[in-house]
C-alpha atoms as a PDB file:
ATOM      1  CA  MET A   1      54.475   1.026-125.146  1.00  0.00           C
ATOM      2  CA  GLY A   2      53.404   3.934-122.953  1.00  0.00           C
ATOM      3  CA  ILE A   3      50.107   5.778-122.645  1.00  0.00           C
ATOM      4  CA  ASN A   4      47.724   6.161-125.560  1.00  0.00           C
ATOM      5  CA  VAL A   5      47.172   9.822-126.292  1.00  0.00           C
ATOM      6  CA  ALA A   6      43.824   9.034-127.880  1.00  0.00           C
ATOM      7  CA  ASP A   7      42.464   8.236-124.394  1.00  0.00           C
ATOM      8  CA  ALA A   8      42.693  11.888-123.341  1.00  0.00           C
ATOM      9  CA  THR A   9      39.980  13.380-125.528  1.00  0.00           C
ATOM     10  CA  LEU A  10      38.682  16.817-124.654  1.00  0.00           C
ATOM     11  CA  GLU A  11      36.211  17.429-127.435  1.00  0.00           C
ATOM     12  CA  PRO A  12      33.911  20.299-126.436  1.00  0.00           C
ATOM     13  CA  ALA A  13      30.320  19.410-125.684  1.00  0.00           C
ATOM     14  CA  LYS A  14      27.685  20.643-128.095  1.00  0.00           C
ATOM     15  CA  GLY A  15      26.778  24.234-127.394  1.00  0.00           C
ATOM     16  CA  GLU A  16      29.863  24.914-125.272  1.00  0.00           C
ATOM     17  CA  GLU A  17      32.539  27.409-126.131  1.00  0.00           C
ATOM     18  CA  PRO A  18      35.740  25.702-127.312  1.00  0.00           C
ATOM     19  CA  HIS A  19      37.800  27.429-124.607  1.00  0.00           C
ATOM     20  CA  VAL A  20      36.988  24.964-121.841  1.00  0.00           C
ATOM     21  CA  SER A  21      39.269  26.553-119.225  1.00  0.00           C
ATOM     22  CA  ASP A  22      37.372  29.863-118.945  1.00  0.00           C
ATOM     23  CA  GLU A  23      35.534  28.838-115.756  1.00  0.00           C
ATOM     24  CA  VAL A  24      38.847  28.424-113.996  1.00  0.00           C
ATOM     25  CA  VAL A  25      39.427  32.193-114.131  1.00  0.00           C
ATOM     26  CA  LYS A  26      35.874  33.486-113.629  1.00  0.00           C
ATOM     27  CA  ALA A  27      36.292  33.972-109.904  1.00  0.00           C
ATOM     28  CA  LYS A  28      36.190  37.669-109.058  1.00  0.00           C
ATOM     29  CA  GLY A  29      39.614  39.209-108.670  1.00  0.00           C
ATOM     30  CA  VAL A  30      41.444  36.004-109.516  1.00  0.00           C
ATOM     31  CA  GLY A  31      43.856  36.025-112.454  1.00  0.00           C
ATOM     32  CA  PRO A  32      44.331  33.103-114.836  1.00  0.00           C
ATOM     33  CA  ILE A  33      47.408  31.725-113.079  1.00  0.00           C
ATOM     34  CA  ARG A  34      45.994  32.083-109.556  1.00  0.00           C
ATOM     35  CA  GLY A  35      42.679  30.638-110.733  1.00  0.00           C
ATOM     36  CA  PHE A  36      44.429  27.657-112.265  1.00  0.00           C
ATOM     37  CA  PHE A  37      46.435  26.901-109.133  1.00  0.00           C
ATOM     38  CA  ARG A  38      43.331  27.356-106.979  1.00  0.00           C
ATOM     39  CA  GLU A  39      41.588  24.671-109.004  1.00  0.00           C
ATOM     40  CA  LEU A  40      44.693  22.464-108.924  1.00  0.00           C
ATOM     41  CA  ALA A  41      44.895  22.780-105.125  1.00  0.00           C
ATOM     42  CA  ARG A  42      41.387  21.348-104.833  1.00  0.00           C
ATOM     43  CA  SER A  43      42.641  18.064-106.268  1.00  0.00           C
ATOM     44  CA  THR A  44      44.888  16.268-103.784  1.00  0.00           C
ATOM     45  CA  SER A  45      46.323  13.911-106.392  1.00  0.00           C
ATOM     46  CA  GLY A  46      46.920  16.732-108.861  1.00  0.00           C
ATOM     47  CA  LEU A  47      48.681  18.850-106.269  1.00  0.00           C
ATOM     48  CA  ILE A  48      50.858  15.918-105.238  1.00  0.00           C
ATOM     49  CA  GLY A  49      51.731  15.238-108.870  1.00  0.00           C
ATOM     50  CA  PHE A  50      52.595  18.896-109.472  1.00  0.00           C
ATOM     51  CA  ILE A  51      54.817  19.016-106.371  1.00  0.00           C
ATOM     52  CA  ILE A  52      56.606  15.803-107.404  1.00  0.00           C
ATOM     53  CA  VAL A  53      57.357  17.124-110.888  1.00  0.00           C
ATOM     54  CA  VAL A  54      58.505  20.533-109.628  1.00  0.00           C
ATOM     55  CA  LEU A  55      60.773  18.973-106.994  1.00  0.00           C
ATOM     56  CA  LEU A  56      62.371  16.604-109.512  1.00  0.00           C
ATOM     57  CA  VAL A  57      62.941  19.434-111.987  1.00  0.00           C
ATOM     58  CA  ALA A  58      64.411  21.596-109.210  1.00  0.00           C
ATOM     59  CA  MET A  59      66.631  18.716-108.098  1.00  0.00           C
ATOM     60  CA  THR A  60      67.907  18.287-111.635  1.00  0.00           C
ATOM     61  CA  ILE A  61      68.701  21.998-111.951  1.00  0.00           C
ATOM     62  CA  PHE A  62      70.121  22.834-108.526  1.00  0.00           C
ATOM     63  CA  ALA A  63      71.273  19.620-106.830  1.00  0.00           C
ATOM     64  CA  PRO A  64      74.333  19.128-109.098  1.00  0.00           C
ATOM     65  CA  LEU A  65      75.603  22.469-107.775  1.00  0.00           C
ATOM     66  CA  LEU A  66      75.684  20.936-104.287  1.00  0.00           C
ATOM     67  CA  ARG A  67      76.676  17.374-105.176  1.00  0.00           C
ATOM     68  CA  GLY A  68      78.303  17.380-108.599  1.00  0.00           C
ATOM     69  CA  ASN A  69      81.433  15.348-107.945  1.00  0.00           C
ATOM     70  CA  LEU A  70      81.434  12.440-110.393  1.00  0.00           C
ATOM     71  CA  LYS A  71      85.102  11.523-110.120  1.00  0.00           C
ATOM     72  CA  PRO A  72      85.810   7.768-109.782  1.00  0.00           C
ATOM     73  CA  THR A  73      87.422   6.476-106.617  1.00  0.00           C
ATOM     74  CA  THR A  74      88.821   3.113-105.545  1.00  0.00           C
ATOM     75  CA  ASP A  75      85.830   2.553-103.249  1.00  0.00           C
ATOM     76  CA  TYR A  76      83.879   0.161-105.518  1.00  0.00           C
ATOM     77  CA  TRP A  77      80.298  -0.845-104.649  1.00  0.00           C
ATOM     78  CA  ALA A  78      80.652   0.791-101.248  1.00  0.00           C
ATOM     79  CA  PRO A  79      77.631   0.375 -98.909  1.00  0.00           C
ATOM     80  CA  PHE A  80      75.707   3.158 -97.182  1.00  0.00           C
ATOM     81  CA  SER A  81      77.897   5.653 -95.350  1.00  0.00           C
ATOM     82  CA  ALA A  82      77.970   9.314 -94.314  1.00  0.00           C
ATOM     83  CA  ALA A  83      80.203  10.109 -97.281  1.00  0.00           C
ATOM     84  CA  HIS A  84      78.076   8.059 -99.689  1.00  0.00           C
ATOM     85  CA  PRO A  85      74.419   7.950 -98.510  1.00  0.00           C
ATOM     86  CA  LEU A  86      73.480   5.643-101.407  1.00  0.00           C
ATOM     87  CA  GLY A  87      76.824   3.883-101.725  1.00  0.00           C
ATOM     88  CA  THR A  88      78.962   3.945-104.859  1.00  0.00           C
ATOM     89  CA  SER A  89      78.939   2.409-108.322  1.00  0.00           C
ATOM     90  CA  GLY A  90      81.202  -0.292-109.729  1.00  0.00           C
ATOM     91  CA  GLN A  91      83.517   2.513-110.833  1.00  0.00           C
ATOM     92  CA  GLY A  92      83.603   4.048-107.350  1.00  0.00           C
ATOM     93  CA  ILE A  93      81.393   7.039-108.230  1.00  0.00           C
ATOM     94  CA  ASP A  94      79.004   8.333-105.597  1.00  0.00           C
ATOM     95  CA  THR A  95      75.523   6.974-106.411  1.00  0.00           C
ATOM     96  CA  LEU A  96      73.662   9.979-104.993  1.00  0.00           C
ATOM     97  CA  ALA A  97      75.722  12.308-107.189  1.00  0.00           C
ATOM     98  CA  MET A  98      74.896  10.175-110.227  1.00  0.00           C
ATOM     99  CA  VAL A  99      71.177  10.231-109.388  1.00  0.00           C
ATOM    100  CA  VAL A 100      70.932  14.000-108.995  1.00  0.00           C
ATOM    101  CA  ASN A 101      73.044  14.569-112.117  1.00  0.00           C
ATOM    102  CA  GLY A 102      71.336  11.879-114.151  1.00  0.00           C
ATOM    103  CA  GLY A 103      67.907  13.492-114.387  1.00  0.00           C
ATOM    104  CA  LYS A 104      68.956  16.241-116.785  1.00  0.00           C
ATOM    105  CA  THR A 105      69.190  14.013-119.868  1.00  0.00           C
ATOM    106  CA  VAL A 106      65.943  12.238-119.004  1.00  0.00           C
ATOM    107  CA  LEU A 107      64.029  15.497-118.700  1.00  0.00           C
ATOM    108  CA  LEU A 108      65.633  17.019-121.795  1.00  0.00           C
ATOM    109  CA  VAL A 109      64.779  13.990-123.926  1.00  0.00           C
ATOM    110  CA  GLY A 110      61.310  13.641-122.407  1.00  0.00           C
ATOM    111  CA  PHE A 111      60.232  17.257-122.847  1.00  0.00           C
ATOM    112  CA  GLY A 112      62.147  17.748-126.118  1.00  0.00           C
ATOM    113  CA  ALA A 113      60.667  14.654-127.752  1.00  0.00           C
ATOM    114  CA  ALA A 114      57.189  15.571-126.487  1.00  0.00           C
ATOM    115  CA  ALA A 115      57.492  19.085-127.912  1.00  0.00           C
ATOM    116  CA  LEU A 116      58.478  17.701-131.318  1.00  0.00           C
ATOM    117  CA  THR A 117      55.710  15.085-131.206  1.00  0.00           C
ATOM    118  CA  VAL A 118      53.059  17.681-130.412  1.00  0.00           C
ATOM    119  CA  LEU A 119      54.402  20.114-133.021  1.00  0.00           C
ATOM    120  CA  ILE A 120      54.313  17.538-135.825  1.00  0.00           C
ATOM    121  CA  ALA A 121      50.921  16.188-134.758  1.00  0.00           C
ATOM    122  CA  VAL A 122      49.327  19.627-134.470  1.00  0.00           C
ATOM    123  CA  VAL A 123      50.659  20.902-137.804  1.00  0.00           C
ATOM    124  CA  ILE A 124      49.893  17.788-139.844  1.00  0.00           C
ATOM    125  CA  GLY A 125      46.623  16.938-138.094  1.00  0.00           C
ATOM    126  CA  SER A 126      45.259  20.473-138.338  1.00  0.00           C
ATOM    127  CA  LEU A 127      46.166  20.977-141.993  1.00  0.00           C
ATOM    128  CA  ALA A 128      44.948  17.493-142.978  1.00  0.00           C
ATOM    129  CA  ALA A 129      41.555  18.078-141.367  1.00  0.00           C
ATOM    130  CA  TYR A 130      41.218  21.573-142.812  1.00  0.00           C
ATOM    131  CA  PHE A 131      42.230  20.774-146.411  1.00  0.00           C
ATOM    132  CA  ARG A 132      40.930  17.179-146.571  1.00  0.00           C
ATOM    133  CA  GLY A 133      41.341  15.658-150.062  1.00  0.00           C
ATOM    134  CA  TRP A 134      44.583  14.034-151.191  1.00  0.00           C
ATOM    135  CA  PHE A 135      46.695  15.640-148.453  1.00  0.00           C
ATOM    136  CA  ASP A 136      44.445  14.238-145.722  1.00  0.00           C
ATOM    137  CA  ALA A 137      44.429  10.779-147.328  1.00  0.00           C
ATOM    138  CA  LEU A 138      48.227  10.798-147.693  1.00  0.00           C
ATOM    139  CA  MET A 139      48.843  11.843-144.085  1.00  0.00           C
ATOM    140  CA  LEU A 140      46.449   9.192-142.798  1.00  0.00           C
ATOM    141  CA  GLN A 141      48.268   6.539-144.822  1.00  0.00           C
ATOM    142  CA  VAL A 142      51.645   7.679-143.464  1.00  0.00           C
ATOM    143  CA  ALA A 143      50.284   7.691-139.898  1.00  0.00           C
ATOM    144  CA  ASP A 144      48.805   4.216-140.339  1.00  0.00           C
ATOM    145  CA  LEU A 145      52.146   2.973-141.667  1.00  0.00           C
ATOM    146  CA  PHE A 146      53.966   4.234-138.580  1.00  0.00           C
ATOM    147  CA  MET A 147      51.298   2.809-136.275  1.00  0.00           C
ATOM    148  CA  THR A 148      51.466  -0.689-137.741  1.00  0.00           C
ATOM    149  CA  ILE A 149      55.101  -1.043-136.645  1.00  0.00           C
ATOM    150  CA  PRO A 150      55.719  -1.124-132.857  1.00  0.00           C
ATOM    151  CA  GLN A 151      57.615   1.979-131.786  1.00  0.00           C
ATOM    152  CA  ILE A 152      60.226   0.015-129.849  1.00  0.00           C
ATOM    153  CA  VAL A 153      61.031  -1.935-133.036  1.00  0.00           C
ATOM    154  CA  LEU A 154      61.430   1.274-135.025  1.00  0.00           C
ATOM    155  CA  LEU A 155      63.639   2.732-132.297  1.00  0.00           C
ATOM    156  CA  ALA A 156      65.715  -0.453-132.184  1.00  0.00           C
ATOM    157  CA  VAL A 157      66.279  -0.306-135.952  1.00  0.00           C
ATOM    158  CA  MET A 158      67.148   3.401-135.817  1.00  0.00           C
ATOM    159  CA  GLY A 159      69.472   2.761-132.881  1.00  0.00           C
ATOM    160  CA  SER A 160      71.320   0.062-134.812  1.00  0.00           C
ATOM    161  CA  LEU A 161      71.716   2.294-137.878  1.00  0.00           C
ATOM    162  CA  PHE A 162      72.587   5.591-136.204  1.00  0.00           C
ATOM    163  CA  ARG A 163      74.411   6.644-133.080  1.00  0.00           C
ATOM    164  CA  PHE A 164      72.373   8.849-130.775  1.00  0.00           C
ATOM    165  CA  ASP A 165      75.420  10.837-129.722  1.00  0.00           C
ATOM    166  CA  SER A 166      73.510  13.526-127.841  1.00  0.00           C
ATOM    167  CA  PRO A 167      70.231  13.976-125.959  1.00  0.00           C
ATOM    168  CA  PHE A 168      69.150  16.330-128.757  1.00  0.00           C
ATOM    169  CA  TRP A 169      69.292  13.671-131.463  1.00  0.00           C
ATOM    170  CA  LEU A 170      67.745  11.087-129.174  1.00  0.00           C
ATOM    171  CA  ALA A 171      64.843  13.463-128.549  1.00  0.00           C
ATOM    172  CA  VAL A 172      64.513  14.127-132.287  1.00  0.00           C
ATOM    173  CA  ILE A 173      64.315  10.417-133.129  1.00  0.00           C
ATOM    174  CA  VAL A 174      61.843   9.586-130.357  1.00  0.00           C
ATOM    175  CA  GLY A 175      59.697  12.621-131.144  1.00  0.00           C
ATOM    176  CA  ALA A 176      59.731  12.026-134.899  1.00  0.00           C
ATOM    177  CA  LEU A 177      58.377   8.479-134.431  1.00  0.00           C
ATOM    178  CA  SER A 178      55.688   9.252-131.838  1.00  0.00           C
ATOM    179  CA  TRP A 179      53.301  11.650-133.577  1.00  0.00           C
ATOM    180  CA  PRO A 180      50.785   9.440-135.523  1.00  0.00           C
ATOM    181  CA  VAL A 181      48.316   8.641-132.714  1.00  0.00           C
ATOM    182  CA  LEU A 182      48.145  12.239-131.509  1.00  0.00           C
ATOM    183  CA  MET A 183      47.908  13.451-135.110  1.00  0.00           C
ATOM    184  CA  ARG A 184      44.723  11.434-135.627  1.00  0.00           C
ATOM    185  CA  SER A 185      43.246  12.828-132.404  1.00  0.00           C
ATOM    186  CA  ILE A 186      44.111  16.407-133.413  1.00  0.00           C
ATOM    187  CA  ARG A 187      42.574  15.786-136.828  1.00  0.00           C
ATOM    188  CA  ALA A 188      39.323  14.626-135.221  1.00  0.00           C
ATOM    189  CA  GLN A 189      39.216  17.744-133.041  1.00  0.00           C
ATOM    190  CA  VAL A 190      39.793  20.075-136.011  1.00  0.00           C
ATOM    191  CA  LEU A 191      37.129  18.325-138.088  1.00  0.00           C
ATOM    192  CA  THR A 192      34.654  19.368-135.377  1.00  0.00           C
ATOM    193  CA  LEU A 193      35.980  22.870-134.778  1.00  0.00           C
ATOM    194  CA  LYS A 194      36.200  23.824-138.472  1.00  0.00           C
ATOM    195  CA  GLU A 195      32.380  23.748-138.682  1.00  0.00           C
ATOM    196  CA  ARG A 196      31.946  26.325-135.905  1.00  0.00           C
ATOM    197  CA  GLU A 197      30.563  29.801-136.591  1.00  0.00           C
ATOM    198  CA  PHE A 198      33.779  31.639-135.730  1.00  0.00           C
ATOM    199  CA  VAL A 199      35.667  29.674-138.396  1.00  0.00           C
ATOM    200  CA  GLU A 200      32.986  30.472-140.981  1.00  0.00           C
ATOM    201  CA  ALA A 201      33.289  34.140-140.041  1.00  0.00           C
ATOM    202  CA  ALA A 202      37.074  33.980-140.451  1.00  0.00           C
ATOM    203  CA  ARG A 203      36.637  32.474-143.911  1.00  0.00           C
ATOM    204  CA  LEU A 204      34.209  35.228-144.901  1.00  0.00           C
ATOM    205  CA  LEU A 205      36.756  37.806-143.749  1.00  0.00           C
ATOM    206  CA  ASP A 206      39.370  36.043-145.914  1.00  0.00           C
ATOM    207  CA  LEU A 207      41.909  35.902-143.091  1.00  0.00           C
ATOM    208  CA  GLY A 208      44.019  33.265-144.837  1.00  0.00           C
ATOM    209  CA  THR A 209      44.387  29.553-144.288  1.00  0.00           C
ATOM    210  CA  LEU A 210      47.353  29.648-141.896  1.00  0.00           C
ATOM    211  CA  ARG A 211      45.734  32.263-139.670  1.00  0.00           C
ATOM    212  CA  ILE A 212      42.408  30.440-139.602  1.00  0.00           C
ATOM    213  CA  VAL A 213      44.058  27.126-138.691  1.00  0.00           C
ATOM    214  CA  PHE A 214      46.760  28.252-136.261  1.00  0.00           C
ATOM    215  CA  VAL A 215      45.236  31.413-134.779  1.00  0.00           C
ATOM    216  CA  GLU A 216      41.498  30.691-134.813  1.00  0.00           C
ATOM    217  CA  ILE A 217      41.263  26.880-134.511  1.00  0.00           C
ATOM    218  CA  VAL A 218      44.379  25.525-132.767  1.00  0.00           C
ATOM    219  CA  PRO A 219      44.188  27.810-129.657  1.00  0.00           C
ATOM    220  CA  ASN A 220      40.760  26.314-128.952  1.00  0.00           C
ATOM    221  CA  MET A 221      42.497  22.950-128.442  1.00  0.00           C
ATOM    222  CA  ALA A 222      45.044  24.353-125.973  1.00  0.00           C
ATOM    223  CA  SER A 223      43.858  22.261-123.030  1.00  0.00           C
ATOM    224  CA  PHE A 224      43.731  19.085-125.129  1.00  0.00           C
ATOM    225  CA  ILE A 225      47.223  19.754-126.496  1.00  0.00           C
ATOM    226  CA  LEU A 226      48.628  20.478-123.020  1.00  0.00           C
ATOM    227  CA  ILE A 227      47.354  17.220-121.575  1.00  0.00           C
ATOM    228  CA  ASN A 228      48.652  15.208-124.517  1.00  0.00           C
ATOM    229  CA  PHE A 229      52.005  16.982-124.249  1.00  0.00           C
ATOM    230  CA  ILE A 230      52.397  15.658-120.705  1.00  0.00           C
ATOM    231  CA  ILE A 231      51.353  12.190-121.858  1.00  0.00           C
ATOM    232  CA  ALA A 232      53.928  12.436-124.657  1.00  0.00           C
ATOM    233  CA  VAL A 233      56.611  13.272-122.053  1.00  0.00           C
ATOM    234  CA  THR A 234      55.902  10.046-120.188  1.00  0.00           C
ATOM    235  CA  ASN A 235      55.949   7.990-123.394  1.00  0.00           C
ATOM    236  CA  ALA A 236      59.237   9.561-124.491  1.00  0.00           C
ATOM    237  CA  ILE A 237      60.845   8.729-121.145  1.00  0.00           C
ATOM    238  CA  TYR A 238      59.663   5.127-121.430  1.00  0.00           C
ATOM    239  CA  ALA A 239      61.156   4.921-124.926  1.00  0.00           C
ATOM    240  CA  MET A 240      64.471   6.488-123.883  1.00  0.00           C
ATOM    241  CA  VAL A 241      64.945   4.220-120.875  1.00  0.00           C
ATOM    242  CA  GLY A 242      64.057   1.228-123.044  1.00  0.00           C
ATOM    243  CA  LEU A 243      66.735   2.164-125.565  1.00  0.00           C
ATOM    244  CA  TYR A 244      69.381   2.427-122.835  1.00  0.00           C
ATOM    245  CA  LEU A 245      68.253  -0.789-121.185  1.00  0.00           C
ATOM    246  CA  LEU A 246      68.589  -2.630-124.515  1.00  0.00           C
ATOM    247  CA  GLY A 247      71.971  -1.024-125.152  1.00  0.00           C
ATOM    248  CA  LEU A 248      70.773   0.719-128.327  1.00  0.00           C
ATOM    249  CA  ALA A 249      71.866   4.198-127.236  1.00  0.00           C
ATOM    250  CA  PRO A 250      75.455   5.274-126.465  1.00  0.00           C
ATOM    251  CA  LEU A 251      76.272   4.486-122.848  1.00  0.00           C
ATOM    252  CA  ALA A 252      78.215   7.703-122.349  1.00  0.00           C
ATOM    253  CA  GLY A 253      77.676  10.239-119.616  1.00  0.00           C
ATOM    254  CA  VAL A 254      75.384   9.847-116.646  1.00  0.00           C
ATOM    255  CA  ASN A 255      71.618   9.446-116.633  1.00  0.00           C
ATOM    256  CA  TRP A 256      69.043   7.228-114.986  1.00  0.00           C
ATOM    257  CA  GLY A 257      68.652   4.961-118.031  1.00  0.00           C
ATOM    258  CA  ILE A 258      72.399   4.289-118.222  1.00  0.00           C
ATOM    259  CA  MET A 259      72.510   3.570-114.490  1.00  0.00           C
ATOM    260  CA  VAL A 260      69.745   0.962-114.841  1.00  0.00           C
ATOM    261  CA  GLN A 261      71.487  -0.648-117.823  1.00  0.00           C
ATOM    262  CA  ASP A 262      74.894  -0.628-116.099  1.00  0.00           C
ATOM    263  CA  GLY A 263      73.494  -2.053-112.886  1.00  0.00           C
ATOM    264  CA  TRP A 264      71.660  -4.768-114.808  1.00  0.00           C
ATOM    265  CA  THR A 265      74.653  -5.876-116.867  1.00  0.00           C
ATOM    266  CA  ASN A 266      76.967  -5.841-113.849  1.00  0.00           C
ATOM    267  CA  GLY A 267      74.620  -7.837-111.626  1.00  0.00           C
ATOM    268  CA  ALA A 268      73.966  -5.080-109.109  1.00  0.00           C
ATOM    269  CA  MET A 269      70.721  -6.757-108.038  1.00  0.00           C
ATOM    270  CA  PHE A 270      72.711  -9.732-106.716  1.00  0.00           C
ATOM    271  CA  ASN A 271      74.986  -7.574-104.549  1.00  0.00           C
ATOM    272  CA  PRO A 272      73.258  -6.151-101.437  1.00  0.00           C
ATOM    273  CA  ASP A 273      75.707  -3.246-101.284  1.00  0.00           C
ATOM    274  CA  ALA A 274      75.013  -2.385-104.944  1.00  0.00           C
ATOM    275  CA  LEU A 275      71.204  -2.486-104.797  1.00  0.00           C
ATOM    276  CA  PRO A 276      70.844   1.294-104.246  1.00  0.00           C
ATOM    277  CA  TYR A 277      72.731   1.871-107.500  1.00  0.00           C
ATOM    278  CA  ILE A 278      70.007   0.198-109.570  1.00  0.00           C
ATOM    279  CA  LEU A 279      67.001   0.927-107.323  1.00  0.00           C
ATOM    280  CA  ALA A 280      67.637   4.678-106.983  1.00  0.00           C
ATOM    281  CA  PRO A 281      67.302   5.540-110.717  1.00  0.00           C
ATOM    282  CA  VAL A 282      64.308   3.198-111.048  1.00  0.00           C
ATOM    283  CA  ALA A 283      62.665   4.991-108.133  1.00  0.00           C
ATOM    284  CA  MET A 284      63.343   8.384-109.760  1.00  0.00           C
ATOM    285  CA  ILE A 285      61.847   7.258-113.068  1.00  0.00           C
ATOM    286  CA  VAL A 286      58.779   5.799-111.353  1.00  0.00           C
ATOM    287  CA  LEU A 287      58.347   8.908-109.225  1.00  0.00           C
ATOM    288  CA  LEU A 288      58.576  11.206-112.247  1.00  0.00           C
ATOM    289  CA  GLN A 289      56.075   9.117-114.216  1.00  0.00           C
ATOM    290  CA  LEU A 290      53.717   9.006-111.215  1.00  0.00           C
ATOM    291  CA  GLY A 291      53.879  12.778-110.829  1.00  0.00           C
ATOM    292  CA  LEU A 292      53.177  13.357-114.530  1.00  0.00           C
ATOM    293  CA  ILE A 293      50.240  10.908-114.558  1.00  0.00           C
ATOM    294  CA  LEU A 294      48.653  12.426-111.434  1.00  0.00           C
ATOM    295  CA  LEU A 295      49.103  15.914-112.894  1.00  0.00           C
ATOM    296  CA  THR A 296      47.595  14.863-116.216  1.00  0.00           C
ATOM    297  CA  ARG A 297      44.452  13.442-114.630  1.00  0.00           C
ATOM    298  CA  SER A 298      43.880  16.583-112.601  1.00  0.00           C
ATOM    299  CA  LEU A 299      44.491  18.847-115.581  1.00  0.00           C
ATOM    300  CA  GLU A 300      41.874  16.924-117.534  1.00  0.00           C
ATOM    301  CA  GLU A 301      39.355  17.514-114.733  1.00  0.00           C
ATOM    302  CA  ILE A 302      40.262  21.198-114.446  1.00  0.00           C
ATOM    303  CA  LEU A 303      40.248  22.011-118.155  1.00  0.00           C
ATOM    304  CA  ASN A 304      37.257  19.897-119.182  1.00  0.00           C
ATOM    305  CA  PRO A 305      34.023  21.429-117.787  1.00  0.00           C
ATOM    306  CA  ARG A 306      32.040  18.221-118.337  1.00  0.00           C
ATOM    307  CA  LEU A 307      34.391  16.289-116.029  1.00  0.00           C
ATOM    308  CA  ARG A 308      34.609  19.159-113.539  1.00  0.00           C
ATOM    309  CA  ASP A 309      30.823  19.359-113.116  1.00  0.00           C
ATOM    310  CA  ARG A 310      30.375  15.645-112.352  1.00  0.00           C
END
């Protein structure tokens, strides 16, 4: 379920420097950040995706300050009105307030799980490729074991055994189960980079294994890691919403996944006045995923010189 991180491969072409984003900042008088945004602005889809993501993050941070009232009323499943632009829920809570307050958990779980996924994949994949031998074989076996079982099944089993009482633990579980595919991609990248001249020079200088791997090799995969981080965010959000929809995560608090599950179980789709309650969070999830996917595609074009020159 979700997007395969192995599809976003940014292996440097033969003879190219590993830092594939250097051309973005070569323009005279343009700093790295301005150069990056200049390149991003040239891609209409990438700029749209970036704006969508920024606006949704800003909404999640600031909108609750303007519309944070989540107190129940006796106005159940109220239709559109000036007081309730998206109507109310079955508990009489303003739907718009739930939508703007419900993105926080989704973003925390999405970005938190993606960060953990990338961290595990980078550490294990890099060390496995560098050391090879029994450690590499063991990590590949563990990754293959995780990959043979569908992630949603693993999450369902974990959800039945443990209570995900907070977004933090939900992010930990999703992130801890999502690293194998990216780990294999990172391993393949390191197997190529470890044969480069700068790594041989670092070995001759006896800089130490950890410095060679995480200071000399890993930074050369920064663009690849960034793109796969964004892909991991989208996959984590899919997994989180799936858990809520199946009722495998505690239905406490307010977030878009809980709203979808609550609307589904209470038949909101059969009540015209209640449709905004289930359609609004679905629209937010789709919009966030669309923004992340558009941004990912543009980042791949910007950071990969072979794609940029086509």
